[in-house]
Amino acid sequence: MQVNITGRHLTITPPIEEYIRKKTERILRHFDRVQEIRVVAEKLANEYHVEILTDVEHHKDFVANGTHEDLYACVDITVDRAVRQLTDWKEKLRQHKH
């Protein structure tokens, strides 16, 4: 599983990269068919925007977005949304009756 981290209009420092990698490990605990996670962090005028694209096999990419004034809080919000999307999808797969 690969985690790609990109920064737009900001530099990704090693502490930020480590924090993002630690938080995205939480996604793998909830759904094991994740092939790739792409994180795009962007600095807007007075806030940060983080987008997480989760590539799952046999499904289109899941996209989670979040904005906040603090970058670390923005990462937390976006990871929570990504986890929620994947747990809902996993529950839908389990409840599906043929």
C-alpha atoms as a PDB file:
ATOM      1  CA  MET A   1       0.000   0.000   0.000  1.00  0.00           C
ATOM      2  CA  GLN A   2       1.332   3.354  -1.051  1.00  0.00           C
ATOM      3  CA  VAL A   3       0.773   6.779   0.527  1.00  0.00           C
ATOM      4  CA  ASN A   4       1.563   9.742  -1.734  1.00  0.00           C
ATOM      5  CA  ILE A   5       1.615  13.166  -0.080  1.00  0.00           C
ATOM      6  CA  THR A   6       1.579  16.336  -2.164  1.00  0.00           C
ATOM      7  CA  GLY A   7       1.592  19.963  -1.085  1.00  0.00           C
ATOM      8  CA  ARG A   8       0.192  22.862  -3.082  1.00  0.00           C
ATOM      9  CA  HIS A   9       1.409  26.313  -2.072  1.00  0.00           C
ATOM     10  CA  LEU A  10       3.069  24.844   1.019  1.00  0.00           C
ATOM     11  CA  THR A  11       6.050  22.653   1.784  1.00  0.00           C
ATOM     12  CA  ILE A  12       5.504  19.264   3.337  1.00  0.00           C
ATOM     13  CA  THR A  13       7.937  19.125   6.245  1.00  0.00           C
ATOM     14  CA  PRO A  14       9.002  15.793   7.784  1.00  0.00           C
ATOM     15  CA  PRO A  15       6.798  16.267  10.912  1.00  0.00           C
ATOM     16  CA  ILE A  16       3.743  16.970   8.748  1.00  0.00           C
ATOM     17  CA  GLU A  17       4.514  13.982   6.524  1.00  0.00           C
ATOM     18  CA  GLU A  18       4.958  11.709   9.543  1.00  0.00           C
ATOM     19  CA  TYR A  19       1.682  12.942  11.055  1.00  0.00           C
ATOM     20  CA  ILE A  20      -0.226  12.329   7.814  1.00  0.00           C
ATOM     21  CA  ARG A  21       1.250   8.831   7.425  1.00  0.00           C
ATOM     22  CA  LYS A  22       0.361   7.978  11.034  1.00  0.00           C
ATOM     23  CA  LYS A  23      -3.219   9.174  10.584  1.00  0.00           C
ATOM     24  CA  THR A  24      -3.755   7.419   7.239  1.00  0.00           C
ATOM     25  CA  GLU A  25      -2.792   4.087   8.850  1.00  0.00           C
ATOM     26  CA  ARG A  26      -6.180   4.325  10.543  1.00  0.00           C
ATOM     27  CA  ILE A  27      -7.842   3.899   7.144  1.00  0.00           C
ATOM     28  CA  LEU A  28      -6.161   0.511   6.694  1.00  0.00           C
ATOM     29  CA  ARG A  29      -7.481  -0.750  10.015  1.00  0.00           C
ATOM     30  CA  HIS A  30     -11.051  -0.309   8.797  1.00  0.00           C
ATOM     31  CA  PHE A  31     -10.738  -1.610   5.228  1.00  0.00           C
ATOM     32  CA  ASP A  32      -7.975  -3.904   3.984  1.00  0.00           C
ATOM     33  CA  ARG A  33      -8.530  -3.657   0.221  1.00  0.00           C
ATOM     34  CA  VAL A  34      -6.937  -0.226  -0.090  1.00  0.00           C
ATOM     35  CA  GLN A  35      -4.361  -0.087  -2.882  1.00  0.00           C
ATOM     36  CA  GLU A  36      -3.220   3.536  -2.692  1.00  0.00           C
ATOM     37  CA  ILE A  37      -3.889   6.690  -0.694  1.00  0.00           C
ATOM     38  CA  ARG A  38      -3.156  10.104  -2.199  1.00  0.00           C
ATOM     39  CA  VAL A  39      -3.153  13.109   0.126  1.00  0.00           C
ATOM     40  CA  VAL A  40      -3.151  16.632  -1.294  1.00  0.00           C
ATOM     41  CA  ALA A  41      -2.646  19.446   1.229  1.00  0.00           C
ATOM     42  CA  GLU A  42      -3.266  22.966  -0.011  1.00  0.00           C
ATOM     43  CA  LYS A  43      -2.818  26.392   1.544  1.00  0.00           C
ATOM     44  CA  LEU A  44      -5.674  28.728   0.715  1.00  0.00           C
ATOM     45  CA  ALA A  45      -5.956  32.417   1.654  1.00  0.00           C
ATOM     46  CA  ASN A  46      -6.498  31.939   5.396  1.00  0.00           C
ATOM     47  CA  GLU A  47      -7.101  28.204   5.816  1.00  0.00           C
ATOM     48  CA  TYR A  48      -5.917  24.782   4.720  1.00  0.00           C
ATOM     49  CA  HIS A  49      -7.652  22.309   2.440  1.00  0.00           C
ATOM     50  CA  VAL A  50      -6.832  18.593   2.542  1.00  0.00           C
ATOM     51  CA  GLU A  51      -8.113  16.050   0.043  1.00  0.00           C
ATOM     52  CA  ILE A  52      -7.693  12.296   0.476  1.00  0.00           C
ATOM     53  CA  LEU A  53      -8.190  10.039  -2.535  1.00  0.00           C
ATOM     54  CA  THR A  54      -8.460   6.389  -1.536  1.00  0.00           C
ATOM     55  CA  ASP A  55      -8.018   3.822  -4.300  1.00  0.00           C
ATOM     56  CA  VAL A  56      -9.928   0.641  -3.479  1.00  0.00           C
ATOM     57  CA  GLU A  57     -10.021  -2.433  -5.675  1.00  0.00           C
ATOM     58  CA  HIS A  58     -13.251  -3.036  -7.628  1.00  0.00           C
ATOM     59  CA  HIS A  59     -14.524   0.495  -6.902  1.00  0.00           C
ATOM     60  CA  LYS A  60     -13.927   4.059  -8.005  1.00  0.00           C
ATOM     61  CA  ASP A  61     -11.750   6.244  -5.812  1.00  0.00           C
ATOM     62  CA  PHE A  62     -13.249   7.545  -2.592  1.00  0.00           C
ATOM     63  CA  VAL A  63     -12.702  11.295  -2.176  1.00  0.00           C
ATOM     64  CA  ALA A  64     -12.762  13.056   1.204  1.00  0.00           C
ATOM     65  CA  ASN A  65     -12.299  16.817   1.594  1.00  0.00           C
ATOM     66  CA  GLY A  66     -11.815  19.036   4.605  1.00  0.00           C
ATOM     67  CA  THR A  67     -10.943  22.651   5.383  1.00  0.00           C
ATOM     68  CA  HIS A  68      -9.768  24.209   8.627  1.00  0.00           C
ATOM     69  CA  GLU A  69      -7.527  26.997   9.892  1.00  0.00           C
ATOM     70  CA  ASP A  70      -5.074  24.477  11.407  1.00  0.00           C
ATOM     71  CA  LEU A  71      -3.369  21.936   9.115  1.00  0.00           C
ATOM     72  CA  TYR A  72      -3.286  19.151  11.706  1.00  0.00           C
ATOM     73  CA  ALA A  73      -6.979  19.591  12.532  1.00  0.00           C
ATOM     74  CA  CYS A  74      -7.750  19.609   8.827  1.00  0.00           C
ATOM     75  CA  VAL A  75      -5.939  16.276   8.400  1.00  0.00           C
ATOM     76  CA  ASP A  76      -7.918  14.824  11.337  1.00  0.00           C
ATOM     77  CA  ILE A  77     -11.261  15.960   9.869  1.00  0.00           C
ATOM     78  CA  THR A  78     -10.463  14.587   6.430  1.00  0.00           C
ATOM     79  CA  VAL A  79      -9.226  11.220   7.723  1.00  0.00           C
ATOM     80  CA  ASP A  80     -12.424  10.882   9.764  1.00  0.00           C
ATOM     81  CA  ARG A  81     -14.476  11.475   6.617  1.00  0.00           C
ATOM     82  CA  ALA A  82     -12.420   8.965   4.614  1.00  0.00           C
ATOM     83  CA  VAL A  83     -12.828   6.324   7.332  1.00  0.00           C
ATOM     84  CA  ARG A  84     -16.564   6.969   7.419  1.00  0.00           C
ATOM     85  CA  GLN A  85     -16.848   6.494   3.654  1.00  0.00           C
ATOM     86  CA  LEU A  86     -14.938   3.220   3.753  1.00  0.00           C
ATOM     87  CA  THR A  87     -16.823   1.807   6.749  1.00  0.00           C
ATOM     88  CA  ASP A  88     -20.135   2.652   5.062  1.00  0.00           C
ATOM     89  CA  TRP A  89     -18.955   0.912   1.884  1.00  0.00           C
ATOM     90  CA  LYS A  90     -17.758  -2.108   3.857  1.00  0.00           C
ATOM     91  CA  GLU A  91     -21.097  -2.320   5.663  1.00  0.00           C
ATOM     92  CA  LYS A  92     -22.907  -2.099   2.341  1.00  0.00           C
ATOM     93  CA  LEU A  93     -20.825  -4.999   1.009  1.00  0.00           C
ATOM     94  CA  ARG A  94     -21.578  -7.110   4.065  1.00  0.00           C
ATOM     95  CA  GLN A  95     -25.314  -6.416   4.005  1.00  0.00           C
ATOM     96  CA  HIS A  96     -25.656  -7.084   0.287  1.00  0.00           C
ATOM     97  CA  LYS A  97     -27.741 -10.179  -0.324  1.00  0.00           C
ATOM     98  CA  HIS A  98     -27.484 -12.047  -3.590  1.00  0.00           C
END
